Amino acid sequence: MIKPVTKAVFPVAGLGTRFLPATKALAKEMLPVVDKPLIQYAVEEALDAGIEDMIFVAAPGRSLLEDHFAPAAKLEAHLAARGKTAELKSVRDGFPAPRRVAFARQDQPLGLGHAVWCARDLVGREAFAVVLADDLMMATPGCLRQMVDAYAKTGGNLVAVEEVPEDRVGRYGILDVAADDGTLARARAVVEKPAPAEAPSRLAVIGRYILQPEVFDHLAKKQTGAGGEIQLTDALAATMATVPLHGLRIDGRRFDCGSKLGFIEANVAFALKRDDLGGDVKKLLRSIP
C-alpha cells in the first residue's frame, strides 16, 4: 500500500539574482503575483493536495517568510477596528493554515539537491513533495493534486514534466523515456542540463516532485554535478535501480517566475482570471500603445 504524502519541502534559500535589486533583502519567493507572494500560491497548492506539513529551507537572516506565515494579531486588530472585512479575511480566514510549519537552514547556496538534503531530519524516512515556488502553476485541479493522484498508482519518484523547445533543454533535467502514454512517461534515465545534441528527449522536469527518502542517501554524498552544484536530478538517476521514476504532464499552465518575462506574464494571466480585476486589466492592456 502506498502511503499518502503529508510533507512538502520548499527550497527558498536562493539568491534570486535575476531580480536584483528587488531581491537584495527579499527572497524571490516573496515577490507578489498580483497581491499574493509566490510562496503562498505554492503552500495553497500543497494544502489543496492534502499535504499539511510545510518545511521551508531558507537562508540565514531572511525572516520575512517566517513572518508571513506567522499570526499577525496587531494587523488583524487594526483591520477589524476599521471595518476592513475583505482585507481581514485575506490575512486570517482566507489565509492558508498548515498543520505544521518548520524551517531548515541552508547556509550556502550549493544547489537544489543540497537544499532538499538540508530538510532530511524534518522529513524523516517517508515520501515527500518538493515544490519550487518560482514555477507558478495555473491548474484545476492543482498541480500537486494531479501528482498525488498519479503517485497513488505509480509509487516511486514522480516529477512534473513538460515539453520544451530543443534550444532550451540545457536549462533542465531531461528524461530519457522508456514508455509514454501521452500523460505519464516512465523514465529509464534522467540527465541534468544536457547539450541539445545529446538530450535524450525534450521532456523537461519542472518544479514539482514527489520523492522517496532514498534520494537523501545519495545527496548525503554531496557529489557535485552540472554547474558545480549538488543536483537533485543526479539523486533521482542514482536511485533508479531500486526506485522507478515517472514524469507526469500537468493539465494546466506553468509560469517560469524565475525569469522577468515569466513573472510579468504570470501577473497578467492571474489578474485576468480575477473577477475584480480581469475586465479592467483587459482595458488597460488594450490602451498600452
Protein backbone atom coordinates (compact mmCIF):
# COMPACT_ATOMS: atom_id res chain seq x y z
CA MET A 1 0.00 0.00 0.00
CA ILE A 2 1.31 3.44 -0.96
CA LYS A 3 1.16 5.82 2.00
CA PRO A 4 -0.16 9.36 1.45
CA VAL A 5 2.27 12.24 1.07
CA THR A 6 1.96 14.53 4.10
CA LYS A 7 5.10 16.72 3.92
CA ALA A 8 6.28 19.28 1.37
CA VAL A 9 9.72 20.86 1.15
CA PHE A 10 10.03 24.39 -0.22
CA PRO A 11 13.61 25.42 -1.13
CA VAL A 12 13.60 29.20 -0.59
CA ALA A 13 17.27 29.97 0.05
CA GLY A 14 18.21 31.03 -3.48
CA LEU A 15 19.80 34.41 -4.07
CA GLY A 16 17.32 35.46 -6.76
CA THR A 17 19.99 37.35 -8.69
CA ARG A 18 17.80 37.75 -11.78
CA PHE A 19 15.56 40.09 -9.79
CA LEU A 20 18.16 42.32 -8.17
CA PRO A 21 17.89 44.84 -6.64
CA ALA A 22 14.36 43.74 -5.55
CA THR A 23 15.78 40.53 -4.07
CA LYS A 24 18.73 42.12 -2.29
CA ALA A 25 16.90 41.64 1.02
CA LEU A 26 13.76 39.87 -0.14
CA ALA A 27 13.60 36.18 -1.07
CA LYS A 28 12.31 35.85 -4.64
CA GLU A 29 9.56 33.54 -3.35
CA MET A 30 8.11 36.59 -1.56
CA LEU A 31 7.64 38.52 -4.81
CA PRO A 32 3.91 39.08 -5.34
CA VAL A 33 1.86 37.90 -8.28
CA VAL A 34 -1.00 40.41 -8.20
CA ASP A 35 -1.43 40.58 -4.40
CA LYS A 36 -0.10 37.28 -3.12
CA PRO A 37 3.54 36.13 -2.81
CA LEU A 38 4.72 33.18 -4.86
CA ILE A 39 5.31 31.08 -1.76
CA GLN A 40 1.68 31.46 -0.68
CA TYR A 41 0.45 30.12 -4.01
CA ALA A 42 2.77 27.15 -3.51
CA VAL A 43 1.58 26.45 0.03
CA GLU A 44 -2.06 26.69 -1.03
CA GLU A 45 -1.37 24.21 -3.81
CA ALA A 46 0.13 21.78 -1.31
CA LEU A 47 -2.81 22.15 1.07
CA ASP A 48 -5.21 21.51 -1.81
CA ALA A 49 -3.36 18.23 -2.42
CA GLY A 50 -3.90 17.12 1.19
CA ILE A 51 -0.35 17.97 2.32
CA GLU A 52 -0.38 19.69 5.71
CA ASP A 53 3.25 19.79 6.92
CA MET A 54 5.32 22.54 5.27
CA ILE A 55 9.11 22.59 5.51
CA PHE A 56 10.90 25.72 4.30
CA VAL A 57 14.62 25.53 3.54
CA ALA A 58 15.72 29.14 3.96
CA ALA A 59 18.94 31.13 4.05
CA PRO A 60 20.05 32.56 7.39
CA GLY A 61 18.84 36.05 8.17
CA ARG A 62 15.75 36.02 5.98
CA SER A 63 12.85 36.22 8.40
CA LEU A 64 10.18 37.82 6.20
CA LEU A 65 8.95 34.44 5.04
CA GLU A 66 8.57 33.26 8.64
CA ASP A 67 6.73 36.48 9.46
CA HIS A 68 4.38 36.00 6.52
CA PHE A 69 3.07 32.67 7.83
CA ALA A 70 3.01 33.74 11.49
CA PRO A 71 -0.14 35.19 13.13
CA ALA A 72 -0.43 38.99 12.83
CA ALA A 73 -2.63 39.96 15.77
CA LYS A 74 -1.82 43.68 15.60
CA LEU A 75 -2.60 43.88 11.88
CA GLU A 76 -5.81 41.90 12.31
CA ALA A 77 -6.96 44.16 15.14
CA HIS A 78 -6.21 47.24 13.03
CA LEU A 79 -8.22 45.91 10.09
CA ALA A 80 -11.12 44.82 12.31
CA ALA A 81 -11.30 48.20 14.03
CA ARG A 82 -11.62 49.93 10.67
CA GLY A 83 -14.18 47.53 9.23
CA LYS A 84 -11.86 46.28 6.50
CA THR A 85 -13.53 42.86 6.27
CA ALA A 86 -12.15 41.80 2.89
CA GLU A 87 -8.60 42.65 3.90
CA LEU A 88 -9.07 40.92 7.26
CA LYS A 89 -10.29 37.76 5.57
CA SER A 90 -7.25 37.74 3.27
CA VAL A 91 -4.85 37.54 6.23
CA ARG A 92 -6.96 35.47 8.62
CA ASP A 93 -9.99 33.45 7.50
CA GLY A 94 -8.81 33.06 3.90
CA PHE A 95 -5.14 32.59 4.78
CA PRO A 96 -3.51 29.15 4.40
CA ALA A 97 -3.22 27.32 7.71
CA PRO A 98 -0.88 24.30 7.53
CA ARG A 99 -0.90 21.82 10.38
CA ARG A 100 2.81 22.38 10.89
CA VAL A 101 5.36 24.88 9.58
CA ALA A 102 9.04 24.09 10.12
CA PHE A 103 12.28 25.66 8.94
CA ALA A 104 15.63 24.21 7.94
CA ARG A 105 18.67 26.32 7.11
CA GLN A 106 20.85 26.20 4.02
CA ASP A 107 23.98 28.13 4.94
CA GLN A 108 25.45 28.08 1.42
CA PRO A 109 23.73 28.03 -1.99
CA LEU A 110 25.15 24.68 -3.13
CA GLY A 111 22.29 23.64 -5.40
CA LEU A 112 18.75 22.29 -5.29
CA GLY A 113 19.89 18.84 -4.20
CA HIS A 114 21.72 20.32 -1.24
CA ALA A 115 18.67 22.40 -0.27
CA VAL A 116 16.50 19.28 -0.25
CA TRP A 117 19.14 17.39 1.77
CA CYS A 118 19.01 20.14 4.41
CA ALA A 119 15.40 19.10 5.14
CA ARG A 120 16.26 15.42 5.74
CA ASP A 121 15.79 15.42 9.53
CA LEU A 122 12.40 17.11 9.28
CA VAL A 123 11.20 14.78 6.51
CA GLY A 124 12.38 11.50 8.00
CA ARG A 125 12.11 8.22 6.09
CA GLU A 126 8.91 8.80 4.19
CA ALA A 127 7.81 10.04 0.79
CA PHE A 128 7.63 13.82 0.46
CA ALA A 129 6.92 16.54 -2.06
CA VAL A 130 9.32 19.24 -3.26
CA VAL A 131 7.81 22.48 -4.53
CA LEU A 132 9.74 25.22 -6.33
CA ALA A 133 7.62 28.30 -5.77
CA ASP A 134 9.01 30.21 -8.74
CA ASP A 135 7.38 27.63 -11.02
CA LEU A 136 3.86 29.01 -10.61
CA MET A 137 1.11 26.70 -11.83
CA MET A 138 -2.38 27.61 -13.03
CA ALA A 139 -4.25 24.30 -12.99
CA THR A 140 -7.58 22.81 -11.90
CA PRO A 141 -7.22 20.53 -10.05
CA GLY A 142 -3.93 21.86 -8.76
CA CYS A 143 -0.59 20.54 -9.98
CA LEU A 144 0.25 18.71 -6.75
CA ARG A 145 -3.26 17.27 -6.54
CA GLN A 146 -2.78 15.79 -10.02
CA MET A 147 0.59 14.40 -8.95
CA VAL A 148 -0.70 12.91 -5.69
CA ASP A 149 -3.45 11.14 -7.64
CA ALA A 150 -0.92 9.77 -10.15
CA TYR A 151 1.51 8.79 -7.39
CA ALA A 152 -1.16 6.60 -5.79
CA LYS A 153 -0.81 4.42 -8.90
CA THR A 154 2.89 4.71 -9.75
CA GLY A 155 4.67 4.94 -6.40
CA GLY A 156 8.41 5.57 -6.67
CA ASN A 157 9.70 9.00 -7.65
CA LEU A 158 7.36 11.21 -9.65
CA VAL A 159 8.20 14.53 -11.30
CA ALA A 160 6.12 17.06 -13.20
CA VAL A 161 7.29 17.44 -16.79
CA GLU A 162 6.61 19.47 -19.91
CA GLU A 163 7.93 19.52 -23.45
CA VAL A 164 10.41 22.34 -24.03
CA PRO A 165 11.98 23.65 -27.26
CA GLU A 166 15.22 21.94 -28.27
CA ASP A 167 17.27 25.09 -27.67
CA ARG A 168 16.12 25.18 -24.01
CA VAL A 169 16.83 21.59 -22.92
CA GLY A 170 20.15 22.73 -21.47
CA ARG A 171 18.27 24.56 -18.72
CA TYR A 172 16.51 21.49 -17.31
CA GLY A 173 16.76 17.92 -16.18
CA ILE A 174 15.62 15.86 -19.20
CA LEU A 175 14.01 12.41 -19.11
CA ASP A 176 15.25 9.52 -21.20
CA VAL A 177 11.84 7.98 -21.86
CA ALA A 178 11.24 4.23 -21.86
CA ALA A 179 7.45 4.36 -22.26
CA ASP A 180 4.96 7.17 -22.70
CA ASP A 181 1.16 7.21 -22.92
CA GLY A 182 0.94 10.94 -23.60
CA THR A 183 0.26 11.83 -19.95
CA LEU A 184 2.58 9.64 -17.91
CA ALA A 185 6.12 8.79 -19.02
CA ARG A 186 8.30 6.08 -17.48
CA ALA A 187 11.96 7.06 -17.48
CA ARG A 188 15.00 4.86 -17.97
CA ALA A 189 17.33 7.75 -17.07
CA VAL A 190 17.40 11.47 -16.36
CA VAL A 191 20.13 13.86 -17.48
CA GLU A 192 20.77 17.29 -15.96
CA LYS A 193 21.21 20.20 -18.41
CA PRO A 194 22.33 18.24 -21.47
CA ALA A 195 23.57 19.88 -24.65
CA PRO A 196 20.76 19.91 -27.26
CA ALA A 197 22.58 17.39 -29.46
CA GLU A 198 22.92 14.99 -26.51
CA ALA A 199 19.46 15.38 -24.95
CA PRO A 200 17.55 12.06 -24.86
CA SER A 201 14.22 13.89 -25.30
CA ARG A 202 12.61 17.29 -24.84
CA LEU A 203 10.65 16.18 -21.78
CA ALA A 204 11.85 18.51 -19.03
CA VAL A 205 11.49 18.23 -15.26
CA ILE A 206 9.74 21.29 -13.81
CA GLY A 207 9.41 22.42 -10.22
CA ARG A 208 7.24 19.73 -8.64
CA TYR A 209 8.44 16.39 -7.25
CA ILE A 210 7.18 13.51 -5.13
CA LEU A 211 10.24 11.68 -3.85
CA GLN A 212 11.24 8.67 -1.81
CA PRO A 213 13.67 9.09 1.12
CA GLU A 214 16.32 7.09 -0.75
CA VAL A 215 17.28 10.32 -2.53
CA PHE A 216 18.73 11.56 0.78
CA ASP A 217 21.20 8.65 0.77
CA HIS A 218 22.72 9.87 -2.49
CA LEU A 219 22.51 13.56 -1.62
CA ALA A 220 24.45 12.84 1.58
CA LYS A 221 27.50 12.10 -0.59
CA LYS A 222 27.45 15.78 -1.66
CA GLN A 223 28.67 14.96 -5.15
CA THR A 224 28.58 17.94 -7.48
CA GLY A 225 27.15 17.78 -10.98
CA ALA A 226 26.19 20.29 -13.67
CA GLY A 227 27.21 23.84 -12.79
CA GLY A 228 29.34 22.60 -9.90
CA GLU A 229 26.21 22.19 -7.77
CA ILE A 230 24.62 19.27 -5.94
CA GLN A 231 21.83 18.35 -8.35
CA LEU A 232 18.55 16.73 -7.32
CA THR A 233 18.24 15.04 -10.71
CA ASP A 234 21.55 13.25 -10.08
CA ALA A 235 20.00 11.72 -6.95
CA LEU A 236 16.98 10.60 -8.98
CA ALA A 237 19.28 8.99 -11.52
CA ALA A 238 21.35 7.29 -8.83
CA THR A 239 18.32 5.63 -7.22
CA MET A 240 16.60 4.42 -10.40
CA ALA A 241 17.92 0.89 -9.99
CA THR A 242 15.62 0.44 -6.99
CA VAL A 243 13.15 3.35 -7.23
CA PRO A 244 11.27 3.85 -10.51
CA LEU A 245 10.92 7.34 -11.96
CA HIS A 246 7.88 8.66 -13.81
CA GLY A 247 7.13 12.06 -15.32
CA LEU A 248 3.61 13.46 -15.31
CA ARG A 249 2.44 16.03 -17.84
CA ILE A 250 0.32 18.50 -15.89
CA ASP A 251 -3.06 19.57 -17.21
CA GLY A 252 -2.54 23.29 -16.72
CA ARG A 253 -0.20 26.18 -17.43
CA ARG A 254 3.21 26.83 -15.96
CA PHE A 255 4.76 30.26 -15.48
CA ASP A 256 8.52 30.48 -15.03
CA CYS A 257 8.61 33.22 -12.40
CA GLY A 258 12.35 32.77 -12.08
CA SER A 259 12.58 34.92 -15.21
CA LYS A 260 11.40 38.52 -15.52
CA LEU A 261 9.30 37.84 -18.60
CA GLY A 262 7.64 34.80 -17.00
CA PHE A 263 6.95 36.80 -13.84
CA ILE A 264 5.29 39.59 -15.83
CA GLU A 265 3.28 37.04 -17.81
CA ALA A 266 2.08 35.40 -14.58
CA ASN A 267 0.93 38.72 -13.14
CA VAL A 268 -1.09 39.47 -16.27
CA ALA A 269 -2.58 35.98 -16.54
CA PHE A 270 -3.58 35.75 -12.87
CA ALA A 271 -5.00 39.28 -12.89
CA LEU A 272 -7.10 38.45 -15.95
CA LYS A 273 -8.62 35.50 -14.09
CA ARG A 274 -9.78 37.71 -11.23
CA ASP A 275 -13.42 38.81 -11.15
CA ASP A 276 -12.44 42.09 -9.51
CA LEU A 277 -9.61 42.88 -11.93
CA GLY A 278 -10.00 40.98 -15.18
CA GLY A 279 -12.14 43.47 -17.06
CA ASP A 280 -10.07 46.47 -16.05
CA VAL A 281 -6.82 44.68 -16.88
CA LYS A 282 -8.09 43.87 -20.38
CA LYS A 283 -8.93 47.55 -20.91
CA LEU A 284 -5.53 48.56 -19.58
CA LEU A 285 -3.69 46.18 -21.91
CA ARG A 286 -5.64 47.44 -24.91
CA SER A 287 -4.75 51.03 -24.01
CA ILE A 288 -0.99 50.42 -23.97
CA PRO A 289 0.50 51.65 -27.27
